[in-house]
């Protein structure tokens, strides 16, 4: 019975996936930033307002295994702060937007949706992450790169 349910789940998940990806910012040559003090050393700001905020322009931190998502997302947020140096809080709230990928055993991936808050600001920000594809890891609009001293 478990085998049947698993097979059925895979069928439904892959049948909902478009045969063409809508992701616009995939770059298989992109390098993941250095990690210092449990944070990505992010060096560039996104020029596109959609970066991270739009499911077609997610923050592509892949290729990583699903079990590594939490630590890599933590590295990402540990490399950022609010525009005035405020602390950032975040939590994963959902998954969405299935797309085809060669980097998943099922041939499909989904985006992870994170809800972000910046201290002293009640507004909630939604950011989309992709662990299946690579892309330049940038600082999205509305955030600032934390300063790191490199040894």
Protein backbone atom coordinates (compact mmCIF):
# COMPACT_ATOMS: atom_id res chain seq x y z
CA UNK A 1 0.00 0.00 0.00
CA UNK A 2 2.85 2.42 0.86
CA UNK A 3 4.43 1.72 -2.52
CA UNK A 4 1.15 2.47 -4.29
CA UNK A 5 0.67 5.78 -2.41
CA UNK A 6 4.25 6.83 -3.16
CA UNK A 7 3.81 6.01 -6.83
CA UNK A 8 0.52 7.89 -6.91
CA UNK A 9 2.10 10.94 -5.22
CA UNK A 10 4.96 11.01 -7.73
CA UNK A 11 2.49 10.74 -10.61
CA UNK A 12 0.40 13.67 -9.39
CA UNK A 13 3.42 15.84 -8.61
CA UNK A 14 5.03 15.32 -11.99
CA UNK A 15 1.75 15.59 -13.89
CA UNK A 16 1.31 19.14 -12.53
CA UNK A 17 4.72 20.25 -13.76
CA UNK A 18 5.00 22.21 -16.94
CA UNK A 19 7.42 20.81 -19.51
CA UNK A 20 9.11 24.22 -19.75
CA UNK A 21 10.61 26.08 -16.82
CA UNK A 22 9.54 29.68 -16.21
CA UNK A 23 12.65 30.46 -14.11
CA UNK A 24 14.44 33.44 -15.61
CA UNK A 25 17.65 33.69 -13.56
CA UNK A 26 19.22 30.23 -13.68
CA UNK A 27 23.01 30.29 -14.20
CA UNK A 28 24.69 26.89 -14.06
CA UNK A 29 28.13 28.54 -13.99
CA UNK A 30 27.39 30.60 -10.86
CA UNK A 31 29.57 29.95 -7.83
CA UNK A 32 28.18 29.75 -4.31
CA UNK A 33 29.62 32.51 -2.07
CA UNK A 34 32.25 31.85 0.57
CA UNK A 35 30.94 31.05 4.04
CA UNK A 36 32.39 33.04 6.94
CA UNK A 37 31.03 32.92 10.49
CA UNK A 38 28.08 30.79 9.33
CA UNK A 39 27.08 33.38 6.71
CA UNK A 40 27.43 33.70 2.96
CA UNK A 41 29.79 36.50 2.02
CA UNK A 42 27.44 38.19 -0.44
CA UNK A 43 29.20 40.77 -2.58
CA UNK A 44 26.60 42.08 -5.01
CA UNK A 45 23.18 43.72 -4.90
CA UNK A 46 20.37 42.65 -7.21
CA UNK A 47 19.57 45.24 -9.85
CA UNK A 48 16.20 43.64 -10.60
CA UNK A 49 13.32 44.41 -8.22
CA UNK A 50 11.92 40.91 -8.90
CA UNK A 51 14.99 39.06 -7.56
CA UNK A 52 13.77 36.82 -4.74
CA UNK A 53 10.32 38.44 -4.67
CA UNK A 54 8.91 36.81 -7.82
CA UNK A 55 8.65 33.02 -8.33
CA UNK A 56 10.16 33.42 -11.80
CA UNK A 57 13.24 35.11 -10.24
CA UNK A 58 13.93 33.04 -7.09
CA UNK A 59 17.12 33.03 -5.06
CA UNK A 60 18.81 30.02 -6.67
CA UNK A 61 21.03 28.38 -4.03
CA UNK A 62 21.21 24.95 -5.72
CA UNK A 63 22.34 22.32 -6.54
CA UNK A 64 21.95 21.08 -2.98
CA UNK A 65 20.25 18.12 -1.35
CA UNK A 66 16.90 18.85 0.32
CA UNK A 67 18.46 18.09 3.72
CA UNK A 68 20.91 20.98 3.20
CA UNK A 69 18.25 23.60 2.52
CA UNK A 70 17.93 24.83 6.11
CA UNK A 71 21.66 25.42 6.58
CA UNK A 72 22.12 27.13 3.20
CA UNK A 73 19.10 29.39 3.71
CA UNK A 74 20.49 30.26 7.17
CA UNK A 75 23.86 31.14 5.58
CA UNK A 76 22.00 33.37 3.13
CA UNK A 77 20.02 35.28 5.74
CA UNK A 78 23.05 35.49 8.07
CA UNK A 79 24.76 37.43 5.27
CA UNK A 80 22.02 40.08 5.19
CA UNK A 81 20.52 42.72 7.46
CA UNK A 82 17.88 45.41 7.26
CA UNK A 83 18.71 48.67 5.48
CA UNK A 84 19.57 50.29 8.83
CA UNK A 85 21.41 47.25 10.19
CA UNK A 86 18.34 45.61 11.74
CA UNK A 87 18.21 41.90 12.51
CA UNK A 88 16.29 39.63 10.13
CA UNK A 89 13.94 36.82 11.17
CA UNK A 90 12.59 34.24 8.74
CA UNK A 91 10.60 31.04 8.52
CA UNK A 92 9.64 28.66 5.75
CA UNK A 93 5.89 28.88 5.22
CA UNK A 94 5.16 26.89 2.07
CA UNK A 95 6.30 25.39 -1.21
CA UNK A 96 4.98 26.21 -4.64
CA UNK A 97 5.48 26.50 -8.31
CA UNK A 98 6.61 23.07 -9.61
CA UNK A 99 9.06 23.22 -12.50
CA UNK A 100 11.05 20.66 -14.52
CA UNK A 101 14.68 20.09 -13.50
CA UNK A 102 17.39 17.55 -14.19
CA UNK A 103 18.66 18.06 -10.62
CA UNK A 104 15.90 16.07 -8.91
CA UNK A 105 15.32 12.33 -8.97
CA UNK A 106 11.66 12.97 -9.83
CA UNK A 107 12.51 15.37 -12.67
CA UNK A 108 10.67 18.19 -10.92
CA UNK A 109 11.48 20.76 -8.27
CA UNK A 110 9.50 23.24 -6.21
CA UNK A 111 10.30 26.63 -4.78
CA UNK A 112 10.41 27.21 -1.03
CA UNK A 113 8.56 30.26 0.25
CA UNK A 114 10.01 32.11 3.24
CA UNK A 115 8.34 34.82 5.27
CA UNK A 116 10.86 37.43 6.41
CA UNK A 117 10.55 40.18 9.00
CA UNK A 118 12.99 42.94 9.81
CA UNK A 119 13.19 44.09 13.45
CA UNK A 120 11.10 47.18 14.23
CA UNK A 121 9.00 46.66 11.09
CA UNK A 122 5.71 44.73 11.26
CA UNK A 123 5.60 44.18 7.47
CA UNK A 124 6.19 40.64 6.30
CA UNK A 125 8.28 40.05 3.19
CA UNK A 126 7.91 36.94 1.01
CA UNK A 127 11.02 35.53 -0.68
CA UNK A 128 11.27 32.51 -3.00
CA UNK A 129 14.19 30.05 -2.88
CA UNK A 130 15.22 27.35 -5.33
CA UNK A 131 17.53 24.56 -4.15
CA UNK A 132 17.56 22.71 -7.49
CA UNK A 133 19.18 25.29 -9.78
CA UNK A 134 22.20 27.57 -9.53
CA UNK A 135 22.20 31.33 -9.94
CA UNK A 136 24.09 34.36 -8.72
CA UNK A 137 23.42 34.78 -5.01
CA UNK A 138 22.66 38.46 -4.54
CA UNK A 139 21.23 40.81 -1.94
CA UNK A 140 17.60 41.57 -2.84
CA UNK A 141 16.12 45.07 -2.79
CA UNK A 142 15.10 46.17 0.71
CA UNK A 143 18.08 44.49 2.41
CA UNK A 144 21.73 45.33 3.02
CA UNK A 145 24.81 43.09 2.84
CA UNK A 146 26.40 42.49 6.25
CA UNK A 147 30.00 43.60 6.47
CA UNK A 148 32.51 40.77 6.89
CA UNK A 149 36.20 41.02 7.53
CA UNK A 150 38.07 38.52 5.41
CA UNK A 151 41.17 36.96 6.96
